[in-house]
């Protein structure tokens, strides 16, 4: 069985890498970090002009009509360069939710705008430090009006639409539904929220009788959200794999050029072991990400299991590589001028973007228990 990507997918990956190498260097990322923008508009526009944002959106809605595997190869390249763009919010989450659960009218209205970047989308589920669940979601939707507060919401300040996990009054898991809301409409207020990675903006959104509409069936929101979240977890895992590899290579290159006591520091056993450990964790994460990609592409029954495994392995690999890269760089690695901080910041942000590692470990155990019972 061949688990490798096809030649066309590798070509897409190469095109994305060439574009990002030219337009999204770490110097570009630093400008966003030290500025107030929250994302790089030029890079985002370039990705949309190349129709990368519409890669997996059907052709009838202005996309390329490709699939999850193409998104996976793009995600790895975006992670490699720590791209400061709203790709994950708008494409992994909002576009996928619309594709899977939106009505024909909702798709016709919003998917073309997401494909071209005319509109940025996001998914708003969290309401604080607790993970979203039927017991914790208090934002309510009734009679076409949405009320409540969502925080933190990725790319909240630049998004035009949000898909909100809201309580519609049922019982248990059937209490939640997905709701589509125009963030430029009445009853919506936003404020920026600081995170460890300012190159990916976050915010708080408050809804006060904001006009909204159901996305999918009422009472199916929790199941629908978990399905979208599982697919996004696979894609974020590829971002983390790309970032982990870049952080490892950054450490390796520095170890080969830096001399101490007349020798390359890469010749010392302690440094060799650090980089070797990075590589081992990276390859474990990559294999789990590939398995997740296969399950995502085939809409397999074990997608949630594969997504949880990919999420856990990739989170650990990126965390370790980013942290150890700073250690390999020594004292300079801790300074503001060092580029090691970009991967450290992004690794911390991605580790929480879809819920913590402990939450995904619980989910993995739950899926394993289900498979054992079956």
Protein backbone atom coordinates (compact mmCIF):
# COMPACT_ATOMS: atom_id res chain seq x y z
CA UNK A 1 0.00 0.00 0.00
CA UNK A 2 1.35 3.41 -1.01
CA UNK A 3 0.87 6.09 1.63
CA UNK A 4 2.79 8.75 -0.30
CA UNK A 5 1.18 11.76 -1.94
CA UNK A 6 0.58 11.73 -5.69
CA UNK A 7 2.75 13.61 -8.18
CA UNK A 8 0.04 16.27 -8.58
CA UNK A 9 -0.16 16.75 -4.82
CA UNK A 10 3.63 17.02 -4.60
CA UNK A 11 3.55 19.63 -7.38
CA UNK A 12 0.96 21.60 -5.41
CA UNK A 13 3.23 21.36 -2.37
CA UNK A 14 6.21 22.63 -4.37
CA UNK A 15 4.20 25.57 -5.74
CA UNK A 16 3.08 26.51 -2.25
CA UNK A 17 6.63 26.27 -0.93
CA UNK A 18 8.02 28.48 -3.70
CA UNK A 19 5.35 31.11 -3.12
CA UNK A 20 5.81 31.11 0.65
CA UNK A 21 9.61 31.12 0.40
CA UNK A 22 9.34 34.32 -1.61
CA UNK A 23 6.60 36.08 0.32
CA UNK A 24 6.55 34.68 3.86
CA UNK A 25 10.07 34.62 5.25
CA UNK A 26 10.61 34.91 8.98
CA UNK A 27 11.43 38.58 8.41
CA UNK A 28 7.87 39.02 7.13
CA UNK A 29 6.54 37.18 10.16
CA UNK A 30 8.57 39.45 12.44
CA UNK A 31 6.91 42.53 10.94
CA UNK A 32 3.52 41.11 11.92
CA UNK A 33 4.78 40.19 15.39
CA UNK A 34 6.09 43.70 15.99
CA UNK A 35 3.13 45.45 14.37
CA UNK A 36 -0.60 45.64 14.99
CA UNK A 37 -1.96 43.82 11.94
CA UNK A 38 -2.65 40.35 13.39
CA UNK A 39 -2.12 38.75 9.97
CA UNK A 40 -0.23 39.35 6.72
CA UNK A 41 -2.72 40.66 4.19
CA UNK A 42 -0.29 40.37 1.25
CA UNK A 43 0.45 36.69 1.89
CA UNK A 44 -3.24 35.95 2.45
CA UNK A 45 -4.19 37.70 -0.80
CA UNK A 46 -1.48 35.77 -2.67
CA UNK A 47 -2.76 32.45 -1.34
CA UNK A 48 -6.27 33.36 -2.43
CA UNK A 49 -5.14 34.60 -5.87
CA UNK A 50 -3.45 31.24 -6.42
CA UNK A 51 -6.76 29.60 -5.37
CA UNK A 52 -5.01 27.74 -2.56
CA UNK A 53 -7.78 28.90 -0.23
CA UNK A 54 -10.30 27.34 -2.60
CA UNK A 55 -8.36 24.12 -3.14
CA UNK A 56 -10.95 21.87 -1.49
CA UNK A 57 -14.03 23.99 -2.27
CA UNK A 58 -16.17 22.53 -5.09
CA UNK A 59 -15.78 24.07 -8.53
CA UNK A 60 -19.45 25.10 -8.63
CA UNK A 61 -18.67 27.44 -5.72
CA UNK A 62 -15.50 28.94 -7.18
CA UNK A 63 -12.92 26.49 -5.86
CA UNK A 64 -10.62 23.93 -7.46
CA UNK A 65 -12.70 20.94 -6.37
CA UNK A 66 -9.77 19.07 -4.88
CA UNK A 67 -9.90 17.15 -1.60
CA UNK A 68 -8.57 16.85 1.95
CA UNK A 69 -5.18 15.52 0.83
CA UNK A 70 -4.46 18.72 -1.07
CA UNK A 71 -5.31 20.70 2.04
CA UNK A 72 -2.90 18.52 4.00
CA UNK A 73 0.07 19.32 1.76
CA UNK A 74 -0.79 23.03 1.88
CA UNK A 75 -1.12 22.91 5.67
CA UNK A 76 2.36 21.45 6.04
CA UNK A 77 3.87 24.30 4.04
CA UNK A 78 1.93 26.93 5.97
CA UNK A 79 3.21 25.43 9.20
CA UNK A 80 6.77 25.29 7.95
CA UNK A 81 6.93 29.05 7.42
CA UNK A 82 4.73 29.98 10.43
CA UNK A 83 2.38 31.75 8.02
CA UNK A 84 0.48 34.63 9.68
CA UNK A 85 -2.76 34.05 7.74
CA UNK A 86 -6.33 33.02 8.67
CA UNK A 87 -6.17 29.84 6.58
CA UNK A 88 -7.08 27.41 9.34
CA UNK A 89 -10.06 29.41 10.63
CA UNK A 90 -11.50 30.17 7.22
CA UNK A 91 -10.72 26.96 5.33
CA UNK A 92 -10.15 24.06 7.75
CA UNK A 93 -13.14 25.03 9.88
CA UNK A 94 -15.63 27.50 8.37
CA UNK A 95 -15.45 26.28 4.75
CA UNK A 96 -15.52 22.61 5.76
CA UNK A 97 -18.56 23.19 7.99
CA UNK A 98 -20.36 24.97 5.17
CA UNK A 99 -19.46 22.26 2.66
CA UNK A 100 -20.72 19.47 4.88
CA UNK A 101 -23.77 20.99 6.59
CA UNK A 102 -24.74 24.19 4.80
CA UNK A 103 -27.86 24.58 2.70
CA UNK A 104 -27.55 25.20 -1.02
CA UNK A 105 -28.31 28.87 -0.45
CA UNK A 106 -25.70 29.19 2.31
CA UNK A 107 -23.07 27.51 0.14
CA UNK A 108 -23.85 29.70 -2.85
CA UNK A 109 -23.62 32.83 -0.71
CA UNK A 110 -20.48 32.16 1.31
CA UNK A 111 -18.26 29.48 -0.24
CA UNK A 112 -17.28 31.60 -3.29
CA UNK A 113 -16.31 34.43 -0.94
CA UNK A 114 -14.23 32.10 1.24
CA UNK A 115 -12.53 30.64 -1.86
CA UNK A 116 -11.45 34.07 -3.11
CA UNK A 117 -10.69 35.57 0.28
CA UNK A 118 -13.38 38.22 -0.16
CA UNK A 119 -14.64 37.03 3.20
CA UNK A 120 -12.82 35.33 6.07
CA UNK A 121 -14.72 32.80 8.14
CA UNK A 122 -14.20 31.38 11.60
CA UNK A 123 -15.77 28.93 14.03
CA UNK A 124 -16.70 30.18 17.50
CA UNK A 125 -17.09 27.39 20.04
CA UNK A 126 -15.16 28.23 23.23
CA UNK A 127 -16.60 30.37 26.00
CA UNK A 128 -13.56 30.68 28.22
CA UNK A 129 -11.03 28.27 29.64
CA UNK A 130 -13.35 25.25 29.69
CA UNK A 131 -13.54 23.15 26.52
CA UNK A 132 -16.86 23.44 24.68
CA UNK A 133 -19.39 20.73 25.53
CA UNK A 134 -23.17 20.37 25.87
CA UNK A 135 -22.74 21.22 29.56
CA UNK A 136 -20.65 24.38 29.12
CA UNK A 137 -22.05 26.14 26.03
CA UNK A 138 -24.30 28.97 27.26
CA UNK A 139 -24.61 31.02 24.06
CA UNK A 140 -28.25 30.64 23.00
CA UNK A 141 -30.12 30.74 19.70
CA UNK A 142 -33.88 31.16 19.50
CA UNK A 143 -36.33 32.85 17.11
CA UNK A 144 -33.52 33.75 14.74
CA UNK A 145 -31.55 35.66 17.39
CA UNK A 146 -28.16 34.77 18.87
CA UNK A 147 -27.09 35.82 22.38
CA UNK A 148 -23.89 35.09 24.27
CA UNK A 149 -20.13 35.52 24.33
CA UNK A 150 -17.42 33.49 22.59
CA UNK A 151 -13.77 33.75 23.65
CA UNK A 152 -11.17 33.19 22.33
CA UNK A 153 -12.11 33.16 18.65
CA UNK A 154 -9.33 32.84 16.09
CA UNK A 155 -9.25 35.68 13.53
CA UNK A 156 -12.33 37.23 15.14
CA UNK A 157 -11.32 40.78 14.21
CA UNK A 158 -11.05 40.12 10.46
CA UNK A 159 -13.78 37.53 9.92
CA UNK A 160 -16.95 38.33 8.04
CA UNK A 161 -18.91 35.27 9.16
CA UNK A 162 -18.79 32.94 12.13
CA UNK A 163 -20.19 29.48 12.62
CA UNK A 164 -21.23 29.42 16.25
CA UNK A 165 -21.85 26.47 18.52
CA UNK A 166 -25.02 27.51 20.35
CA UNK A 167 -27.61 26.10 22.72
CA UNK A 168 -31.03 25.74 21.09
CA UNK A 169 -32.84 24.34 24.09
CA UNK A 170 -32.74 20.58 23.69
CA UNK A 171 -31.42 18.02 26.18
CA UNK A 172 -27.86 16.69 26.44
CA UNK A 173 -25.94 16.58 23.17
CA UNK A 174 -29.16 17.48 21.33
CA UNK A 175 -29.10 20.88 23.06
CA UNK A 176 -26.49 22.24 20.65
CA UNK A 177 -26.75 23.42 17.06
CA UNK A 178 -24.46 25.17 14.61
CA UNK A 179 -25.53 28.70 13.75
CA UNK A 180 -24.29 30.91 10.92
CA UNK A 181 -24.00 34.63 11.70
CA UNK A 182 -22.86 37.64 9.68
CA UNK A 183 -20.32 39.40 11.91
CA UNK A 184 -20.90 42.70 10.12
CA UNK A 185 -24.57 42.67 11.03
CA UNK A 186 -26.45 44.15 13.97
CA UNK A 187 -25.96 42.92 17.52
CA UNK A 188 -22.31 41.89 17.12
CA UNK A 189 -19.41 43.49 18.98
CA UNK A 190 -15.78 42.43 19.02
CA UNK A 191 -12.60 43.17 20.91
CA UNK A 192 -9.07 41.93 20.40
CA UNK A 193 -7.58 39.38 22.81
CA UNK A 194 -3.84 38.98 23.34
CA UNK A 195 -2.31 35.51 22.98
CA UNK A 196 1.21 34.11 23.02
CA UNK A 197 1.33 34.37 19.21
CA UNK A 198 0.29 37.84 17.97
CA UNK A 199 0.83 36.73 14.35
CA UNK A 200 -2.48 34.88 14.58
CA UNK A 201 -5.05 37.33 15.86
CA UNK A 202 -7.76 36.29 18.35
CA UNK A 203 -10.71 38.10 19.82
CA UNK A 204 -13.87 38.03 21.89
CA UNK A 205 -17.24 38.20 20.13
CA UNK A 206 -20.38 39.29 21.97
CA UNK A 207 -23.79 38.59 20.42
CA UNK A 208 -26.83 40.59 21.56
CA UNK A 209 -29.92 39.56 19.62
CA UNK A 210 -27.73 39.15 16.54
CA UNK A 211 -29.64 37.87 13.47
CA UNK A 212 -28.48 34.34 12.62
CA UNK A 213 -29.62 31.13 10.94
CA UNK A 214 -29.17 27.44 11.53
CA UNK A 215 -26.37 25.59 9.76
CA UNK A 216 -27.51 22.01 9.42
CA UNK A 217 -30.24 20.47 11.52
CA UNK A 218 -31.26 21.73 14.92
CA UNK A 219 -29.92 19.52 17.71
CA UNK A 220 -27.17 18.04 15.52
CA UNK A 221 -24.61 20.75 16.29
CA UNK A 222 -22.47 18.77 18.70
CA UNK A 223 -22.03 15.81 16.34
CA UNK A 224 -21.48 18.13 13.37
CA UNK A 225 -18.94 20.21 15.30
CA UNK A 226 -16.97 17.13 16.36
CA UNK A 227 -16.88 15.95 12.75
CA UNK A 228 -15.51 19.28 11.51
CA UNK A 229 -13.12 19.45 14.46
CA UNK A 230 -11.71 15.99 13.68
CA UNK A 231 -10.93 16.99 10.10
CA UNK A 232 -9.38 20.25 11.28
CA UNK A 233 -7.26 18.32 13.80
CA UNK A 234 -5.69 16.34 10.96
CA UNK A 235 -4.94 19.52 9.02
CA UNK A 236 -3.50 21.30 12.05
CA UNK A 237 -1.38 18.19 12.67
CA UNK A 238 0.18 18.74 9.25
CA UNK A 239 0.85 22.37 10.17
CA UNK A 240 2.55 21.15 13.33
CA UNK A 241 4.60 18.60 11.39
CA UNK A 242 5.75 21.35 9.02
CA UNK A 243 6.62 23.60 11.94
CA UNK A 244 8.43 20.84 13.83
CA UNK A 245 10.56 20.04 10.79
CA UNK A 246 11.44 23.71 10.30
CA UNK A 247 12.37 24.12 13.97
CA UNK A 248 14.52 20.99 13.81
CA UNK A 249 16.29 22.18 10.67
CA UNK A 250 16.86 25.58 12.27
CA UNK A 251 18.56 23.85 15.20
CA UNK A 252 20.57 21.56 12.93
CA UNK A 253 21.82 24.40 10.74
CA UNK A 254 22.87 26.42 13.75
CA UNK A 255 24.64 23.42 15.28
CA UNK A 256 26.67 23.00 12.09
CA UNK A 257 27.75 26.63 11.84
CA UNK A 258 28.32 27.50 15.51
CA UNK A 259 31.75 26.69 16.98
CA UNK A 260 32.65 26.34 20.64
CA UNK A 261 36.07 25.32 21.97
CA UNK A 262 37.29 24.88 18.41
CA UNK A 263 34.56 22.43 17.37
CA UNK A 264 31.15 22.57 15.77
CA UNK A 265 28.62 22.33 18.57
CA UNK A 266 26.85 19.73 16.45
CA UNK A 267 29.77 17.39 17.09
CA UNK A 268 28.96 17.26 20.82
CA UNK A 269 26.90 14.29 21.92
CA UNK A 270 24.37 16.32 23.88
CA UNK A 271 23.46 18.36 20.78
CA UNK A 272 23.35 15.26 18.58
CA UNK A 273 20.90 13.63 20.98
CA UNK A 274 18.64 16.66 21.05
CA UNK A 275 18.34 16.78 17.27
CA UNK A 276 17.97 13.00 17.02
CA UNK A 277 15.12 13.10 19.54
CA UNK A 278 13.46 15.86 17.50
CA UNK A 279 13.67 13.67 14.41
CA UNK A 280 12.18 10.62 16.15
CA UNK A 281 9.19 12.60 17.43
CA UNK A 282 8.76 14.28 14.05
CA UNK A 283 8.61 10.98 12.16
CA UNK A 284 6.14 9.52 14.65
CA UNK A 285 3.96 12.60 14.19
CA UNK A 286 4.28 12.40 10.41
CA UNK A 287 3.17 8.76 10.30
CA UNK A 288 0.14 9.54 12.47
CA UNK A 289 -0.67 12.58 10.33
CA UNK A 290 -0.55 10.45 7.17
CA UNK A 291 -2.92 7.94 8.74
CA UNK A 292 -5.21 10.79 9.70
CA UNK A 293 -5.06 12.18 6.16
CA UNK A 294 -6.10 8.80 4.74
CA UNK A 295 -9.03 8.56 7.16
CA UNK A 296 -10.06 12.16 6.39
CA UNK A 297 -9.86 11.67 2.62
CA UNK A 298 -11.89 8.46 2.72
CA UNK A 299 -14.33 9.70 5.38
CA UNK A 300 -13.45 6.54 7.29
CA UNK A 301 -15.28 5.39 10.36
CA UNK A 302 -12.11 5.69 12.42
CA UNK A 303 -11.54 9.34 11.54
CA UNK A 304 -11.95 10.52 15.13
CA UNK A 305 -9.47 7.90 16.33
CA UNK A 306 -6.96 8.81 13.61
CA UNK A 307 -7.45 12.54 14.20
CA UNK A 308 -6.84 12.18 17.95
CA UNK A 309 -3.66 10.16 17.38
CA UNK A 310 -2.39 12.68 14.82
CA UNK A 311 -3.25 15.61 17.06
CA UNK A 312 -1.45 14.20 20.10
CA UNK A 313 1.71 13.11 18.27
CA UNK A 314 2.01 16.33 16.25
CA UNK A 315 1.43 18.56 19.27
CA UNK A 316 4.20 16.79 21.18
CA UNK A 317 6.60 16.82 18.21
CA UNK A 318 6.17 20.55 17.59
CA UNK A 319 6.37 21.46 21.27
CA UNK A 320 9.57 19.46 21.70
CA UNK A 321 11.25 20.70 18.52
CA UNK A 322 10.44 24.35 19.22
CA UNK A 323 11.63 24.10 22.80
CA UNK A 324 14.82 22.18 22.05
CA UNK A 325 15.67 24.46 19.13
CA UNK A 326 15.91 27.32 21.63
CA UNK A 327 18.19 25.18 23.81
CA UNK A 328 20.47 24.33 20.88
CA UNK A 329 20.81 28.04 20.10
CA UNK A 330 21.94 28.63 23.68
CA UNK A 331 21.73 32.11 25.19
CA UNK A 332 20.91 33.79 21.88
CA UNK A 333 17.87 31.52 21.47
CA UNK A 334 16.08 33.35 24.27
CA UNK A 335 16.54 36.84 22.81
CA UNK A 336 13.96 38.90 20.95
CA UNK A 337 16.23 39.03 17.89
CA UNK A 338 16.33 35.22 17.56
CA UNK A 339 13.88 33.61 15.13
CA UNK A 340 13.44 30.57 17.36
CA UNK A 341 10.59 32.36 19.13
CA UNK A 342 8.28 32.10 16.12
CA UNK A 343 8.04 28.32 16.27
CA UNK A 344 7.85 28.36 20.06
CA UNK A 345 4.94 30.80 19.98
CA UNK A 346 3.12 28.95 17.20
CA UNK A 347 3.64 25.55 18.85
CA UNK A 348 2.02 26.84 22.04
CA UNK A 349 -0.88 28.39 20.15
CA UNK A 350 -1.60 25.33 17.99
CA UNK A 351 -1.40 23.09 21.05
CA UNK A 352 -4.55 24.82 22.34
CA UNK A 353 -6.28 25.91 19.15
CA UNK A 354 -8.58 22.88 19.02
CA UNK A 355 -8.42 21.96 22.67
CA UNK A 356 -5.55 20.85 24.87
CA UNK A 357 -3.54 17.67 24.46
CA UNK A 358 -5.18 16.19 27.57
CA UNK A 359 -8.62 16.64 25.97
CA UNK A 360 -7.48 14.82 22.84
CA UNK A 361 -5.93 12.06 24.92
CA UNK A 362 -9.29 11.56 26.61
CA UNK A 363 -10.90 11.50 23.19
CA UNK A 364 -8.37 8.93 21.96
CA UNK A 365 -9.06 6.68 24.95
CA UNK A 366 -12.80 7.03 24.37
CA UNK A 367 -12.44 6.05 20.70
CA UNK A 368 -10.24 3.06 21.60
CA UNK A 369 -12.83 1.91 24.12
CA UNK A 370 -15.54 2.13 21.46
CA UNK A 371 -13.46 0.10 19.01
CA UNK A 372 -12.71 -2.54 21.63
CA UNK A 373 -16.41 -2.88 22.50
CA UNK A 374 -17.22 -3.24 18.79
